[in-house]
Amino acid sequence: MAEPSSRSDPGSDAAARKRRGRKRAPAPVYGAIDLGTNNCRMLLAQRSGSSFHVVDAFSRVVRLGEGITGSGALSQGAMDRAVEALKVCADKIRRQNVVKHRSIATQACRMADNGAEFLDRVERETGLTFDLITAEEEARLAVHGCVDLLDEDRDAALVIDIGGGSTELSWVDLAEWRRRGGRDSGGRPPMKSWTSTPVGVVTLSERFPEREDRAEWYQDMKTYARDLMKTPRGAKAMRPIFDDGRAHLVGTSGTVTSMAGVHLRLPRYDRSKVDGLWMSGDEALDACKRLRELDFHGRSQEPTIGADRAELVLAGCAIYEAVAEMWPADRLRVGDRGLREGMLLNLMRKSKKRRRRRKKAGDAAPDVTGSDA
């Protein structure tokens, strides 16, 4: 019997060297753009476990819905501002070699007589194709984007998404989610009910310009917002959970992150301190009280508010207080996240499912290599 050679196979050595020298392909980048009534926001991210990490972000106040309550249409200036912001987004998407992205438009384009024509213009000038989503999808995306903020030890949560032109409320059944395995199951928390109210920070501030009788003016905004809010049947069934103190609120808007910044007295906005913060119900109301006691100049001097939000933040606070009075809870979870995060998770989840299907199909396929076929 011949002795085994002590030398390695030259071919194997070459293959090993080739494998060591081969660079791992970069993780694919996904993108999400949310064009709202007030802001244009974009996130570009790569998958990281069951979540993602951000590789680029963009946000600009464009006031797309400016004046829409009076005219019923998007103004030329507002459309021009939005298109310029979206050109920046399109350029970032190209430079990051994004493999898949989704762009959505919400309440301003739903309300406007010329919303569809504006989105056609956006496609012509930027190459970005937008989905004009329904209020229901907007609510579901907001919930999906803040799954990590839900407290599985509670039995229910109300997710509050205060936008520029509308406010979406989503009641989440955490007790049922817990029975299904909760966050560890990988499944989404069941939405018991949802509603969309046609009032947001832009539309409410335009309807109620700031007055000298500040207390009465603020109460007028809150009453108007509350009168518009409907309680759907599914939400009524969850009322006892809130009455028993077994529910919490989740806020996913610029209004709530501003409240958190004021509560923390941050010298400048810091997402790492705001996103995921727990506030008591009283602390949230105290932040609103502190803001409504300031005039425009005072609010604009708040480090986490600034001039861009100073005009709109009190309308947002009035909406938040209207919700909190209708659905009181002892705790509020703050989320600096929302529709973009929900879109990204959906895109990555679908991509992963497709890969699993392809792999399964490949395993099942007959091996015809070397056959007579």
Foldseek 3Di string as FASTA:
>chain_A
DDDDDPDDDPVVVVVVVVVVPDDDDDAAKEKEWEAEQFKIKMFIWGDDVLATDTPDIDMDTLNQLAPCVPVQAGDPSSLVSVLVRVLVVLVVCVVRVHPYYAYEYEDSLVRHPCSVVSQVVSCVRRVHHYDHDDLVVQLVLQQLLCLVLDDLQFQKEWEWEAGQFKIKIWIFGSPVCVVVVHVVNVDGTDTQDMDMFGHHLNVLCVVQPQDPVLVVSLVVLLVVLLVRDDQDPSNVVCQVSLVVQRYEYEYAYLLQLLLVCQLVQDQARDQVDRAFDKDFPVSSVVSLVVLSVDDLVRQLPRRHQHNSRSSRNSSVSSNVVSVCVVRPHGMYTYHPIGNRSSRVSVVVVVVVVVVVVVVVVVVPDDDCVPHPD
